[in-house]
Amino acid sequence: MKPYWSLPLIMLFLHLGVFCSIGQGIRVASAYYGSPNGVSVDVTRRVQQFADYGEPFRVGKETLKVDPSPKHRKALVVIYEVSGRRISDTVLEGDVFYFRNAEEARHITDWHRSDLRIKKAIYGTRGRYVDVTNRVRELARGRQVFTVSNRTLGVDPAPGQKKWLKISSLRGNRSRSQQYADGDRVELR
C-alpha cells in the first residue's frame, strides 16, 4: 500500500467508528454499581463507553474499574434510553450486561418478566453433584426467594461439606449461568 493512501483510510475508519457509535442511540441516564448493604458508586460514564458501541460487558470490578464493597456480592443498575424508550436493567456481578436495541425495546415491554426457563440445576461439591432441576423450577415458578440448603433442595449429596447450587437458565434469548453457595439467598424472578 502506498503511503499517501494511509491518511485517507485512517480518516475513513475514524468516521465509520463515530457513525456506528452515534447509530446505537443509547444514552445512559444513570448507572450505579454496589452491594445490598447500600455502598454503591456512580459508573455512568464508564457504562456509557460500552453503550456508545452497544457492547455487552461482564459486570465486575475489572470492567467497571472500581470495587465499592469488597467481599460483598454486587449488582449493576442501569437506566438508559433507546429511541426515546426508557429502560431499567439490573445485572448481578459476574453476569453479562447486554444493551437492548430499539427493536427489542419496542417489542418487549417488561424485559425482566419474560419467562425464565431453568435449563439445568445441580447441587453438590467436587464431582458429587445431583440434579435438582425440577425443584429449582418449582421455586422459580412460585417466584420465591429461597436459601440454598439441603432442606430447601430436598437432598444432601455430600453430608458435612460445603455445597454449591449451579443454575443454567434462559430468559428470552439470554442464556445465564449462576452459582450460589450454601446459605446464599436466591431470587429467580
Protein backbone atom coordinates (compact mmCIF):
# COMPACT_ATOMS: atom_id res chain seq x y z
CA MET A 1 0.00 0.00 0.00
CA LYS A 2 1.30 3.41 -0.91
CA PRO A 3 1.89 5.87 1.97
CA TYR A 4 -0.46 8.56 0.57
CA TRP A 5 -3.44 6.17 0.99
CA SER A 6 -2.79 5.71 4.73
CA LEU A 7 -4.22 9.01 5.97
CA PRO A 8 -7.48 8.80 3.98
CA LEU A 9 -8.04 5.22 5.16
CA ILE A 10 -7.42 6.18 8.78
CA MET A 11 -9.89 9.06 8.45
CA LEU A 12 -12.48 6.75 6.87
CA PHE A 13 -12.22 4.25 9.73
CA LEU A 14 -12.45 7.02 12.33
CA HIS A 15 -15.59 8.39 10.68
CA LEU A 16 -17.15 4.92 10.47
CA GLY A 17 -16.45 4.39 14.18
CA VAL A 18 -18.11 7.69 15.09
CA PHE A 19 -21.16 6.98 12.92
CA CYS A 20 -21.52 3.45 14.37
CA SER A 21 -21.36 4.92 17.85
CA ILE A 22 -23.99 7.54 17.09
CA GLY A 23 -26.11 4.93 15.31
CA GLN A 24 -26.61 2.94 18.52
CA GLY A 25 -28.58 5.85 20.01
CA ILE A 26 -28.12 4.63 23.59
CA ARG A 27 -27.95 7.32 26.27
CA VAL A 28 -27.17 6.15 29.80
CA ALA A 29 -29.15 8.27 32.28
CA SER A 30 -27.58 6.64 35.34
CA ALA A 31 -25.56 3.59 36.30
CA TYR A 32 -24.75 2.53 39.85
CA TYR A 33 -22.65 -0.43 40.94
CA GLY A 34 -22.83 -1.65 44.52
CA SER A 35 -23.97 -4.13 47.14
CA PRO A 36 -27.18 -4.60 49.11
CA ASN A 37 -25.54 -3.04 52.17
CA GLY A 38 -26.02 0.33 50.49
CA VAL A 39 -22.45 1.02 49.36
CA SER A 40 -22.53 1.94 45.67
CA VAL A 41 -20.71 4.14 43.21
CA ASP A 42 -21.78 6.07 40.11
CA VAL A 43 -20.35 4.36 36.99
CA THR A 44 -22.47 6.19 34.42
CA ARG A 45 -19.52 7.43 32.35
CA ARG A 46 -17.89 4.00 32.19
CA VAL A 47 -21.14 2.29 31.16
CA GLN A 48 -21.76 4.99 28.53
CA GLN A 49 -18.46 3.99 26.92
CA PHE A 50 -19.85 0.49 26.35
CA ALA A 51 -23.20 1.92 25.25
CA ASP A 52 -21.53 4.05 22.59
CA TYR A 53 -20.71 0.87 20.71
CA GLY A 54 -23.59 -1.27 22.01
CA GLU A 55 -21.03 -3.66 23.50
CA PRO A 56 -22.06 -6.27 26.08
CA PHE A 57 -19.72 -6.50 29.06
CA ARG A 58 -19.18 -8.67 32.13
CA VAL A 59 -20.17 -6.84 35.32
CA GLY A 60 -17.25 -6.71 37.74
CA LYS A 61 -14.51 -4.63 39.28
CA GLU A 62 -12.16 -5.31 36.36
CA THR A 63 -14.60 -3.97 33.79
CA LEU A 64 -16.04 -1.09 35.82
CA LYS A 65 -12.63 -0.17 37.28
CA VAL A 66 -13.95 0.08 40.86
CA ASP A 67 -14.95 -2.17 43.78
CA PRO A 68 -17.25 -0.18 46.07
CA SER A 69 -17.81 -3.04 48.52
CA PRO A 70 -15.02 -5.64 48.58
CA LYS A 71 -16.03 -9.18 49.58
CA HIS A 72 -19.74 -8.43 49.01
CA ARG A 73 -21.90 -9.55 46.09
CA LYS A 74 -22.75 -6.54 43.95
CA ALA A 75 -25.14 -5.59 41.17
CA LEU A 76 -25.16 -3.01 38.40
CA VAL A 77 -28.33 -0.95 37.96
CA VAL A 78 -28.53 0.95 34.66
CA ILE A 79 -31.22 3.29 33.40
CA TYR A 80 -30.82 4.13 29.73
CA GLU A 81 -32.77 5.37 26.73
CA VAL A 82 -33.00 3.82 23.27
CA SER A 83 -35.04 5.57 20.59
CA GLY A 84 -36.95 7.55 23.20
CA ARG A 85 -37.78 4.47 25.30
CA ARG A 86 -36.53 4.43 28.91
CA ILE A 87 -35.20 1.04 30.07
CA SER A 88 -34.02 -0.08 33.50
CA ASP A 89 -31.87 -3.22 33.84
CA THR A 90 -30.19 -4.82 36.84
CA VAL A 91 -27.42 -7.39 36.39
CA LEU A 92 -25.51 -9.24 39.11
CA GLU A 93 -21.74 -9.17 39.40
CA GLY A 94 -20.20 -11.83 37.17
CA ASP A 95 -23.08 -11.81 34.70
CA VAL A 96 -23.03 -10.14 31.29
CA PHE A 97 -24.89 -6.86 30.69
CA TYR A 98 -26.50 -6.53 27.25
CA PHE A 99 -27.95 -3.29 25.94
CA ARG A 100 -31.25 -3.81 24.21
CA ASN A 101 -31.69 -2.21 20.82
CA ALA A 102 -34.69 -0.16 19.73
CA GLU A 103 -36.42 -3.19 18.19
CA GLU A 104 -36.18 -5.18 21.43
CA ALA A 105 -37.31 -2.16 23.42
CA ARG A 106 -40.42 -1.79 21.23
CA HIS A 107 -41.50 -5.43 21.34
CA ILE A 108 -40.62 -6.36 24.91
CA THR A 109 -42.43 -4.14 27.38
CA ASP A 110 -41.17 -5.88 30.53
CA TRP A 111 -37.79 -7.46 29.86
CA HIS A 112 -37.40 -8.76 33.39
CA ARG A 113 -40.74 -10.51 33.38
CA SER A 114 -40.31 -12.60 30.24
CA ASP A 115 -40.47 -16.26 31.16
CA LEU A 116 -37.46 -17.61 32.99
CA ARG A 117 -36.61 -21.12 31.87
CA ILE A 118 -34.38 -23.21 34.10
CA LYS A 119 -32.36 -25.39 31.73
CA LYS A 120 -30.35 -27.24 34.39
CA ALA A 121 -29.68 -27.02 38.12
CA ILE A 122 -27.19 -29.13 40.04
CA TYR A 123 -26.29 -29.14 43.73
CA GLY A 124 -23.22 -30.57 45.44
CA THR A 125 -19.47 -30.34 45.60
CA ARG A 126 -16.32 -31.70 43.88
CA GLY A 127 -17.75 -34.25 41.50
CA ARG A 128 -20.62 -35.17 43.82
CA TYR A 129 -23.44 -33.21 42.22
CA VAL A 130 -27.09 -34.21 41.93
CA ASP A 131 -29.71 -32.91 39.53
CA VAL A 132 -32.18 -30.54 41.30
CA THR A 133 -33.62 -29.02 38.14
CA ASN A 134 -37.25 -29.88 38.92
CA ARG A 135 -37.05 -28.47 42.47
CA VAL A 136 -35.47 -25.21 41.28
CA ARG A 137 -38.13 -24.93 38.54
CA GLU A 138 -40.83 -25.20 41.24
CA LEU A 139 -39.20 -22.44 43.26
CA ALA A 140 -38.77 -20.25 40.16
CA ARG A 141 -42.42 -20.76 39.12
CA GLY A 142 -43.56 -19.57 42.54
CA ARG A 143 -41.13 -16.63 42.29
CA GLN A 144 -39.98 -17.46 45.80
CA VAL A 145 -36.81 -16.13 47.35
CA PHE A 146 -35.07 -19.13 48.87
CA THR A 147 -31.91 -20.01 50.76
CA VAL A 148 -29.59 -22.62 49.31
CA SER A 149 -29.64 -25.59 51.69
CA ASN A 150 -30.15 -29.35 51.87
CA ARG A 151 -33.58 -28.71 53.32
CA THR A 152 -34.73 -26.37 50.55
CA LEU A 153 -33.44 -28.58 47.75
CA GLY A 154 -34.52 -31.83 49.42
CA VAL A 155 -31.21 -33.66 49.12
CA ASP A 156 -27.74 -33.78 50.70
CA PRO A 157 -25.26 -35.15 48.15
CA ALA A 158 -22.21 -34.56 50.39
CA PRO A 159 -23.04 -34.57 54.13
CA GLY A 160 -20.88 -32.24 56.20
CA GLN A 161 -19.33 -30.46 53.21
CA LYS A 162 -19.98 -27.01 51.76
CA LYS A 163 -22.06 -27.34 48.61
CA TRP A 164 -22.90 -25.18 45.61
CA LEU A 165 -26.07 -24.70 43.58
CA LYS A 166 -25.31 -24.13 39.89
CA ILE A 167 -28.16 -22.91 37.71
CA SER A 168 -28.23 -22.55 33.92
CA SER A 169 -31.23 -20.55 32.75
CA LEU A 170 -32.69 -18.78 29.76
CA ARG A 171 -34.74 -15.57 29.76
CA GLY A 172 -35.91 -14.56 26.31
CA ASN A 173 -32.84 -15.28 24.20
CA ARG A 174 -30.35 -14.62 27.01
CA SER A 175 -28.53 -17.58 28.47
CA ARG A 176 -27.24 -17.23 32.01
CA SER A 177 -25.23 -19.34 34.47
CA GLN A 178 -25.22 -18.60 38.19
CA GLN A 179 -23.58 -20.21 41.18
CA TYR A 180 -24.68 -19.96 44.82
CA ALA A 181 -23.06 -21.32 47.99
CA ASP A 182 -24.91 -22.95 50.88
CA GLY A 183 -26.64 -20.19 52.82
CA ASP A 184 -26.91 -17.79 49.86
CA ARG A 185 -30.31 -16.26 49.11
CA VAL A 186 -31.58 -16.87 45.58
CA GLU A 187 -34.13 -14.71 43.80
CA LEU A 188 -35.24 -16.14 40.44
CA ARG A 189 -37.78 -13.60 39.15
